[in-house]
């Protein structure tokens, strides 16, 4: 992942959300749709996917990742992390995200991802994420091997879904309610599973402090909040 300066990040988006906020928006929308994710708008499903990607990245890296959904695509979304190279000297880690959905039989997921990979030329900093919406058993190791044969400008491919790898054992119903998994298919095979509950608690603490947003203006970073108890943003 290439590092870019804050001015470049600010030119793309000045406000960055905690990914939990995206899941709150998703939860509100899906209630109105009777719990059927397929009745959500494409943008709402993309927000759900991108928020999960950011949380998976945070779980792996143990640093904060922030999200932004542009008004116009491509890309479908942006994720960003801040890297303090020296005291008060920040660079940003940055990825553009293209989302593709799979809602067909498990054996057809290869075609779903392949078609998206060869659809067009992608910028080098783009990752492709497949949101798996068809509950079933998938062999992602085999899928990873097959996708390596595809010639594409996109070099990093992931799948994300609600659930857990069976290699980790049979989960309890309670565990499944808050467990999500992201699998990297390209360039190498890796997977991570995370529990949503600690992230919810972390968001609550940040919200109470008025620090659940990141605002970037040129080369300056601020905390922002939607908490009405705070009237001003807090400088980093």
C-alpha atoms as a PDB file:
ATOM      1  CA  UNK A   1       0.000   0.000   0.000  1.00  0.00           C
ATOM      2  CA  UNK A   2       1.472   3.334  -1.064  1.00  0.00           C
ATOM      3  CA  UNK A   3       1.614   6.177   1.443  1.00  0.00           C
ATOM      4  CA  UNK A   4       0.222   9.562   0.438  1.00  0.00           C
ATOM      5  CA  UNK A   5       0.344  12.924   2.147  1.00  0.00           C
ATOM      6  CA  UNK A   6      -2.601  14.493   3.913  1.00  0.00           C
ATOM      7  CA  UNK A   7      -3.096  17.102   1.206  1.00  0.00           C
ATOM      8  CA  UNK A   8      -3.720  14.338  -1.321  1.00  0.00           C
ATOM      9  CA  UNK A   9      -6.176  12.604   1.018  1.00  0.00           C
ATOM     10  CA  UNK A  10      -7.972  15.886   1.636  1.00  0.00           C
ATOM     11  CA  UNK A  11      -8.407  16.333  -2.123  1.00  0.00           C
ATOM     12  CA  UNK A  12     -10.315  13.048  -2.225  1.00  0.00           C
ATOM     13  CA  UNK A  13     -12.418  13.473   0.930  1.00  0.00           C
ATOM     14  CA  UNK A  14     -12.312  15.809   3.909  1.00  0.00           C
ATOM     15  CA  UNK A  15     -14.573  13.807   6.241  1.00  0.00           C
ATOM     16  CA  UNK A  16     -13.873  10.189   7.166  1.00  0.00           C
ATOM     17  CA  UNK A  17     -16.282   8.005   9.108  1.00  0.00           C
ATOM     18  CA  UNK A  18     -15.747   5.355  11.702  1.00  0.00           C
ATOM     19  CA  UNK A  19     -16.899   2.176   9.894  1.00  0.00           C
ATOM     20  CA  UNK A  20     -19.327   1.410  12.725  1.00  0.00           C
ATOM     21  CA  UNK A  21     -21.309   4.454  11.644  1.00  0.00           C
ATOM     22  CA  UNK A  22     -21.760   2.809   8.251  1.00  0.00           C
ATOM     23  CA  UNK A  23     -23.114  -0.320   9.925  1.00  0.00           C
ATOM     24  CA  UNK A  24     -25.561   1.786  11.942  1.00  0.00           C
ATOM     25  CA  UNK A  25     -26.876   3.294   8.700  1.00  0.00           C
ATOM     26  CA  UNK A  26     -27.124  -0.195   7.228  1.00  0.00           C
ATOM     27  CA  UNK A  27     -29.028  -1.471  10.289  1.00  0.00           C
ATOM     28  CA  UNK A  28     -31.524   1.395  10.073  1.00  0.00           C
ATOM     29  CA  UNK A  29     -32.115   0.751   6.376  1.00  0.00           C
ATOM     30  CA  UNK A  30     -32.494  -3.001   6.646  1.00  0.00           C
ATOM     31  CA  UNK A  31     -35.105  -2.654   9.394  1.00  0.00           C
ATOM     32  CA  UNK A  32     -37.231  -0.698   6.931  1.00  0.00           C
ATOM     33  CA  UNK A  33     -36.801  -3.541   4.411  1.00  0.00           C
ATOM     34  CA  UNK A  34     -37.986  -6.258   6.779  1.00  0.00           C
ATOM     35  CA  UNK A  35     -34.471  -7.640   7.229  1.00  0.00           C
ATOM     36  CA  UNK A  36     -33.997  -8.423   3.524  1.00  0.00           C
ATOM     37  CA  UNK A  37     -30.590  -7.133   2.415  1.00  0.00           C
ATOM     38  CA  UNK A  38     -31.497  -7.605  -1.247  1.00  0.00           C
ATOM     39  CA  UNK A  39     -34.165  -4.915  -0.910  1.00  0.00           C
ATOM     40  CA  UNK A  40     -31.577  -2.305   0.029  1.00  0.00           C
ATOM     41  CA  UNK A  41     -30.226   0.064  -2.574  1.00  0.00           C
ATOM     42  CA  UNK A  42     -26.927  -0.825  -4.237  1.00  0.00           C
ATOM     43  CA  UNK A  43     -25.251   2.087  -2.426  1.00  0.00           C
ATOM     44  CA  UNK A  44     -26.475   0.821   0.960  1.00  0.00           C
ATOM     45  CA  UNK A  45     -25.117  -2.669   0.322  1.00  0.00           C
ATOM     46  CA  UNK A  46     -21.810  -1.187  -0.799  1.00  0.00           C
ATOM     47  CA  UNK A  47     -21.637   0.882   2.398  1.00  0.00           C
ATOM     48  CA  UNK A  48     -22.211  -2.310   4.420  1.00  0.00           C
ATOM     49  CA  UNK A  49     -19.428  -4.107   2.542  1.00  0.00           C
ATOM     50  CA  UNK A  50     -16.920  -1.257   2.767  1.00  0.00           C
ATOM     51  CA  UNK A  51     -17.579  -0.798   6.488  1.00  0.00           C
ATOM     52  CA  UNK A  52     -16.848  -4.502   7.065  1.00  0.00           C
ATOM     53  CA  UNK A  53     -13.627  -4.250   5.070  1.00  0.00           C
ATOM     54  CA  UNK A  54     -12.427  -1.335   7.213  1.00  0.00           C
ATOM     55  CA  UNK A  55     -13.230  -3.235  10.424  1.00  0.00           C
ATOM     56  CA  UNK A  56     -11.420  -6.326   9.144  1.00  0.00           C
ATOM     57  CA  UNK A  57      -8.386  -4.185   8.313  1.00  0.00           C
ATOM     58  CA  UNK A  58      -8.507  -2.656  11.770  1.00  0.00           C
ATOM     59  CA  UNK A  59      -8.711  -6.102  13.379  1.00  0.00           C
ATOM     60  CA  UNK A  60      -5.631  -7.290  11.492  1.00  0.00           C
ATOM     61  CA  UNK A  61      -3.478  -4.159  11.710  1.00  0.00           C
ATOM     62  CA  UNK A  62      -4.587  -2.935  15.171  1.00  0.00           C
ATOM     63  CA  UNK A  63      -4.781   0.622  13.840  1.00  0.00           C
ATOM     64  CA  UNK A  64      -7.838   2.687  12.936  1.00  0.00           C
ATOM     65  CA  UNK A  65      -9.280   2.604   9.438  1.00  0.00           C
ATOM     66  CA  UNK A  66     -11.778   5.210   8.249  1.00  0.00           C
ATOM     67  CA  UNK A  67     -14.290   5.181   5.404  1.00  0.00           C
ATOM     68  CA  UNK A  68     -15.714   7.564   2.846  1.00  0.00           C
ATOM     69  CA  UNK A  69     -18.385   6.921   0.211  1.00  0.00           C
ATOM     70  CA  UNK A  70     -17.949   9.269  -2.779  1.00  0.00           C
ATOM     71  CA  UNK A  71     -21.023  10.871  -4.292  1.00  0.00           C
ATOM     72  CA  UNK A  72     -20.049   9.444  -7.669  1.00  0.00           C
ATOM     73  CA  UNK A  73     -18.336   6.177  -8.532  1.00  0.00           C
ATOM     74  CA  UNK A  74     -15.913   4.786  -9.402  1.00  0.00           C
ATOM     75  CA  UNK A  75     -14.673   3.941  -6.866  1.00  0.00           C
ATOM     76  CA  UNK A  76     -17.516   2.566  -4.761  1.00  0.00           C
ATOM     77  CA  UNK A  77     -15.732   3.573  -1.586  1.00  0.00           C
ATOM     78  CA  UNK A  78     -12.505   4.673   0.055  1.00  0.00           C
ATOM     79  CA  UNK A  79     -10.726   3.460   3.165  1.00  0.00           C
ATOM     80  CA  UNK A  80      -7.879   5.259   4.883  1.00  0.00           C
ATOM     81  CA  UNK A  81      -5.554   4.888   7.841  1.00  0.00           C
ATOM     82  CA  UNK A  82      -3.212   7.474   9.352  1.00  0.00           C
ATOM     83  CA  UNK A  83       0.438   6.607   9.856  1.00  0.00           C
ATOM     84  CA  UNK A  84       2.447   8.783  12.265  1.00  0.00           C
ATOM     85  CA  UNK A  85       5.973   8.588  10.862  1.00  0.00           C
ATOM     86  CA  UNK A  86       7.282  11.238  13.254  1.00  0.00           C
ATOM     87  CA  UNK A  87       5.609  13.135  16.111  1.00  0.00           C
ATOM     88  CA  UNK A  88       2.765  15.133  14.509  1.00  0.00           C
ATOM     89  CA  UNK A  89       3.958  14.088  11.043  1.00  0.00           C
ATOM     90  CA  UNK A  90       1.335  11.931   9.371  1.00  0.00           C
ATOM     91  CA  UNK A  91       1.077  10.045   6.110  1.00  0.00           C
ATOM     92  CA  UNK A  92      -2.017   8.246   4.978  1.00  0.00           C
ATOM     93  CA  UNK A  93      -2.480   4.675   3.853  1.00  0.00           C
ATOM     94  CA  UNK A  94      -5.181   4.658   1.228  1.00  0.00           C
ATOM     95  CA  UNK A  95      -7.244   2.226  -0.849  1.00  0.00           C
ATOM     96  CA  UNK A  96      -9.986   2.594  -3.430  1.00  0.00           C
ATOM     97  CA  UNK A  97     -12.614  -0.149  -3.245  1.00  0.00           C
ATOM     98  CA  UNK A  98     -14.646  -1.712  -6.007  1.00  0.00           C
ATOM     99  CA  UNK A  99     -17.514  -3.893  -4.762  1.00  0.00           C
ATOM    100  CA  UNK A 100     -19.083  -6.818  -6.562  1.00  0.00           C
ATOM    101  CA  UNK A 101     -21.913  -8.912  -5.115  1.00  0.00           C
ATOM    102  CA  UNK A 102     -22.351 -12.658  -5.274  1.00  0.00           C
ATOM    103  CA  UNK A 103     -25.887 -13.892  -4.737  1.00  0.00           C
ATOM    104  CA  UNK A 104     -25.833 -17.063  -6.857  1.00  0.00           C
ATOM    105  CA  UNK A 105     -24.757 -20.673  -6.337  1.00  0.00           C
ATOM    106  CA  UNK A 106     -21.317 -21.192  -4.719  1.00  0.00           C
ATOM    107  CA  UNK A 107     -19.829 -22.726  -7.876  1.00  0.00           C
ATOM    108  CA  UNK A 108     -20.587 -19.515  -9.797  1.00  0.00           C
ATOM    109  CA  UNK A 109     -18.568 -17.192  -7.558  1.00  0.00           C
ATOM    110  CA  UNK A 110     -15.484 -17.623  -9.756  1.00  0.00           C
ATOM    111  CA  UNK A 111     -17.354 -16.131 -12.714  1.00  0.00           C
ATOM    112  CA  UNK A 112     -18.711 -13.297 -10.565  1.00  0.00           C
ATOM    113  CA  UNK A 113     -15.230 -12.193  -9.539  1.00  0.00           C
ATOM    114  CA  UNK A 114     -13.499 -12.975 -12.844  1.00  0.00           C
ATOM    115  CA  UNK A 115     -15.944 -10.853 -14.840  1.00  0.00           C
ATOM    116  CA  UNK A 116     -15.372  -7.892 -12.524  1.00  0.00           C
ATOM    117  CA  UNK A 117     -11.583  -8.320 -12.682  1.00  0.00           C
ATOM    118  CA  UNK A 118     -11.492  -8.087 -16.475  1.00  0.00           C
ATOM    119  CA  UNK A 119     -14.256  -5.490 -16.822  1.00  0.00           C
ATOM    120  CA  UNK A 120     -11.904  -2.507 -17.094  1.00  0.00           C
ATOM    121  CA  UNK A 121      -8.539  -1.103 -16.122  1.00  0.00           C
ATOM    122  CA  UNK A 122      -8.211  -0.334 -12.402  1.00  0.00           C
ATOM    123  CA  UNK A 123      -5.931   2.132 -10.655  1.00  0.00           C
ATOM    124  CA  UNK A 124      -2.996   0.436  -8.857  1.00  0.00           C
ATOM    125  CA  UNK A 125      -4.334   1.333  -5.404  1.00  0.00           C
ATOM    126  CA  UNK A 126      -7.691  -0.388  -6.016  1.00  0.00           C
ATOM    127  CA  UNK A 127      -8.868  -3.530  -4.258  1.00  0.00           C
ATOM    128  CA  UNK A 128     -11.813  -5.636  -5.402  1.00  0.00           C
ATOM    129  CA  UNK A 129     -14.108  -6.942  -2.670  1.00  0.00           C
ATOM    130  CA  UNK A 130     -16.819  -9.518  -3.289  1.00  0.00           C
ATOM    131  CA  UNK A 131     -19.722  -9.267  -0.853  1.00  0.00           C
ATOM    132  CA  UNK A 132     -21.033 -12.818  -0.500  1.00  0.00           C
ATOM    133  CA  UNK A 133     -24.801 -12.751  -0.001  1.00  0.00           C
ATOM    134  CA  UNK A 134     -25.625 -16.407  -0.726  1.00  0.00           C
ATOM    135  CA  UNK A 135     -25.355 -18.479   2.480  1.00  0.00           C
ATOM    136  CA  UNK A 136     -23.561 -21.712   1.636  1.00  0.00           C
ATOM    137  CA  UNK A 137     -20.257 -23.554   1.982  1.00  0.00           C
ATOM    138  CA  UNK A 138     -17.431 -22.112  -0.148  1.00  0.00           C
ATOM    139  CA  UNK A 139     -13.940 -23.394  -0.824  1.00  0.00           C
ATOM    140  CA  UNK A 140     -12.043 -20.122  -0.970  1.00  0.00           C
ATOM    141  CA  UNK A 141      -8.606 -21.775  -1.202  1.00  0.00           C
ATOM    142  CA  UNK A 142      -9.576 -23.389  -4.492  1.00  0.00           C
ATOM    143  CA  UNK A 143     -11.086 -20.090  -5.644  1.00  0.00           C
ATOM    144  CA  UNK A 144      -7.842 -18.288  -4.820  1.00  0.00           C
ATOM    145  CA  UNK A 145      -5.858 -20.753  -6.928  1.00  0.00           C
ATOM    146  CA  UNK A 146      -8.205 -20.358  -9.905  1.00  0.00           C
ATOM    147  CA  UNK A 147      -8.158 -16.562  -9.782  1.00  0.00           C
ATOM    148  CA  UNK A 148      -4.363 -16.497 -10.008  1.00  0.00           C
ATOM    149  CA  UNK A 149      -4.755 -17.605 -13.617  1.00  0.00           C
ATOM    150  CA  UNK A 150      -6.659 -14.425 -14.535  1.00  0.00           C
ATOM    151  CA  UNK A 151      -4.823 -11.526 -16.167  1.00  0.00           C
ATOM    152  CA  UNK A 152      -6.103  -8.286 -14.676  1.00  0.00           C
ATOM    153  CA  UNK A 153      -4.928  -4.827 -13.638  1.00  0.00           C
ATOM    154  CA  UNK A 154      -6.393  -5.506 -10.203  1.00  0.00           C
ATOM    155  CA  UNK A 155      -3.969  -7.376  -7.963  1.00  0.00           C
ATOM    156  CA  UNK A 156      -5.780  -7.545  -4.620  1.00  0.00           C
ATOM    157  CA  UNK A 157      -9.056  -9.444  -4.342  1.00  0.00           C
ATOM    158  CA  UNK A 158     -11.077 -10.205  -1.203  1.00  0.00           C
ATOM    159  CA  UNK A 159     -14.394 -11.718  -0.177  1.00  0.00           C
ATOM    160  CA  UNK A 160     -16.317 -10.598   2.891  1.00  0.00           C
ATOM    161  CA  UNK A 161     -19.333 -12.183   4.538  1.00  0.00           C
ATOM    162  CA  UNK A 162     -21.280 -12.598   7.745  1.00  0.00           C
ATOM    163  CA  UNK A 163     -20.090 -15.860   9.266  1.00  0.00           C
ATOM    164  CA  UNK A 164     -16.984 -17.840  10.051  1.00  0.00           C
ATOM    165  CA  UNK A 165     -14.539 -20.230   8.428  1.00  0.00           C
ATOM    166  CA  UNK A 166     -15.420 -23.844   9.166  1.00  0.00           C
ATOM    167  CA  UNK A 167     -11.711 -24.487   9.663  1.00  0.00           C
ATOM    168  CA  UNK A 168     -12.156 -22.707  12.995  1.00  0.00           C
ATOM    169  CA  UNK A 169     -14.806 -25.162  14.154  1.00  0.00           C
ATOM    170  CA  UNK A 170     -18.593 -25.065  14.286  1.00  0.00           C
ATOM    171  CA  UNK A 171     -19.707 -21.694  15.698  1.00  0.00           C
ATOM    172  CA  UNK A 172     -22.567 -21.265  18.140  1.00  0.00           C
ATOM    173  CA  UNK A 173     -25.689 -19.383  16.966  1.00  0.00           C
ATOM    174  CA  UNK A 174     -24.860 -16.568  19.392  1.00  0.00           C
ATOM    175  CA  UNK A 175     -21.338 -16.273  17.980  1.00  0.00           C
ATOM    176  CA  UNK A 176     -22.656 -16.052  14.433  1.00  0.00           C
ATOM    177  CA  UNK A 177     -24.787 -13.023  15.278  1.00  0.00           C
ATOM    178  CA  UNK A 178     -21.746 -10.759  15.581  1.00  0.00           C
ATOM    179  CA  UNK A 179     -19.030 -12.582  13.615  1.00  0.00           C
ATOM    180  CA  UNK A 180     -17.730 -11.577  10.196  1.00  0.00           C
ATOM    181  CA  UNK A 181     -14.946 -12.888   7.978  1.00  0.00           C
ATOM    182  CA  UNK A 182     -12.782 -11.372   5.264  1.00  0.00           C
ATOM    183  CA  UNK A 183     -10.676 -13.607   3.036  1.00  0.00           C
ATOM    184  CA  UNK A 184      -7.867 -12.345   0.827  1.00  0.00           C
ATOM    185  CA  UNK A 185      -7.831 -14.349  -2.395  1.00  0.00           C
ATOM    186  CA  UNK A 186      -5.109 -12.436  -4.270  1.00  0.00           C
ATOM    187  CA  UNK A 187      -2.180 -12.054  -4.299  1.00  0.00           C
ATOM    188  CA  UNK A 188      -1.939 -14.575  -1.447  1.00  0.00           C
ATOM    189  CA  UNK A 189      -4.506 -16.481   0.565  1.00  0.00           C
ATOM    190  CA  UNK A 190      -5.190 -15.095   4.038  1.00  0.00           C
ATOM    191  CA  UNK A 191      -8.293 -14.869   6.196  1.00  0.00           C
ATOM    192  CA  UNK A 192      -9.397 -13.016   9.294  1.00  0.00           C
ATOM    193  CA  UNK A 193     -12.515 -13.354  11.412  1.00  0.00           C
ATOM    194  CA  UNK A 194     -13.596 -10.657  13.838  1.00  0.00           C
ATOM    195  CA  UNK A 195     -16.264 -10.085  16.457  1.00  0.00           C
ATOM    196  CA  UNK A 196     -18.254  -6.890  15.969  1.00  0.00           C
ATOM    197  CA  UNK A 197     -19.019  -6.339  19.667  1.00  0.00           C
ATOM    198  CA  UNK A 198     -15.623  -4.897  20.759  1.00  0.00           C
ATOM    199  CA  UNK A 199     -15.762  -2.467  17.834  1.00  0.00           C
ATOM    200  CA  UNK A 200     -19.215  -1.319  18.932  1.00  0.00           C
ATOM    201  CA  UNK A 201     -17.904  -0.645  22.432  1.00  0.00           C
ATOM    202  CA  UNK A 202     -14.925   1.249  21.032  1.00  0.00           C
ATOM    203  CA  UNK A 203     -17.251   3.379  18.885  1.00  0.00           C
ATOM    204  CA  UNK A 204     -19.417   4.174  21.919  1.00  0.00           C
ATOM    205  CA  UNK A 205     -16.373   5.392  23.842  1.00  0.00           C
ATOM    206  CA  UNK A 206     -15.219   7.556  20.929  1.00  0.00           C
ATOM    207  CA  UNK A 207     -18.698   9.005  20.428  1.00  0.00           C
ATOM    208  CA  UNK A 208     -18.881   9.941  24.104  1.00  0.00           C
ATOM    209  CA  UNK A 209     -15.554  11.757  23.690  1.00  0.00           C
ATOM    210  CA  UNK A 210     -16.648  13.456  20.463  1.00  0.00           C
ATOM    211  CA  UNK A 211     -13.985  11.665  18.426  1.00  0.00           C
ATOM    212  CA  UNK A 212     -15.729   9.248  16.067  1.00  0.00           C
ATOM    213  CA  UNK A 213     -14.931  11.157  12.844  1.00  0.00           C
ATOM    214  CA  UNK A 214     -11.705  12.269  11.199  1.00  0.00           C
ATOM    215  CA  UNK A 215     -11.589  15.617   9.385  1.00  0.00           C
ATOM    216  CA  UNK A 216      -8.643  16.452   7.158  1.00  0.00           C
ATOM    217  CA  UNK A 217      -7.987  19.950   5.840  1.00  0.00           C
ATOM    218  CA  UNK A 218      -4.862  20.263   3.729  1.00  0.00           C
ATOM    219  CA  UNK A 219      -2.153  19.003   6.125  1.00  0.00           C
ATOM    220  CA  UNK A 220      -4.154  19.271   9.349  1.00  0.00           C
ATOM    221  CA  UNK A 221      -6.108  16.518  11.100  1.00  0.00           C
ATOM    222  CA  UNK A 222      -9.044  16.985  13.437  1.00  0.00           C
ATOM    223  CA  UNK A 223     -11.445  14.825  15.343  1.00  0.00           C
ATOM    224  CA  UNK A 224     -15.093  15.386  14.508  1.00  0.00           C
ATOM    225  CA  UNK A 225     -18.359  14.142  15.958  1.00  0.00           C
ATOM    226  CA  UNK A 226     -22.100  13.971  15.462  1.00  0.00           C
ATOM    227  CA  UNK A 227     -22.572  14.009  19.228  1.00  0.00           C
ATOM    228  CA  UNK A 228     -24.678  17.080  19.953  1.00  0.00           C
ATOM    229  CA  UNK A 229     -23.021  17.478  23.354  1.00  0.00           C
ATOM    230  CA  UNK A 230     -19.963  18.827  21.535  1.00  0.00           C
ATOM    231  CA  UNK A 231     -20.067  22.111  19.659  1.00  0.00           C
ATOM    232  CA  UNK A 232     -16.527  22.159  18.294  1.00  0.00           C
ATOM    233  CA  UNK A 233     -14.226  19.713  16.624  1.00  0.00           C
ATOM    234  CA  UNK A 234     -11.122  18.704  18.542  1.00  0.00           C
ATOM    235  CA  UNK A 235      -7.690  19.153  16.942  1.00  0.00           C
ATOM    236  CA  UNK A 236      -5.500  16.068  16.892  1.00  0.00           C
END
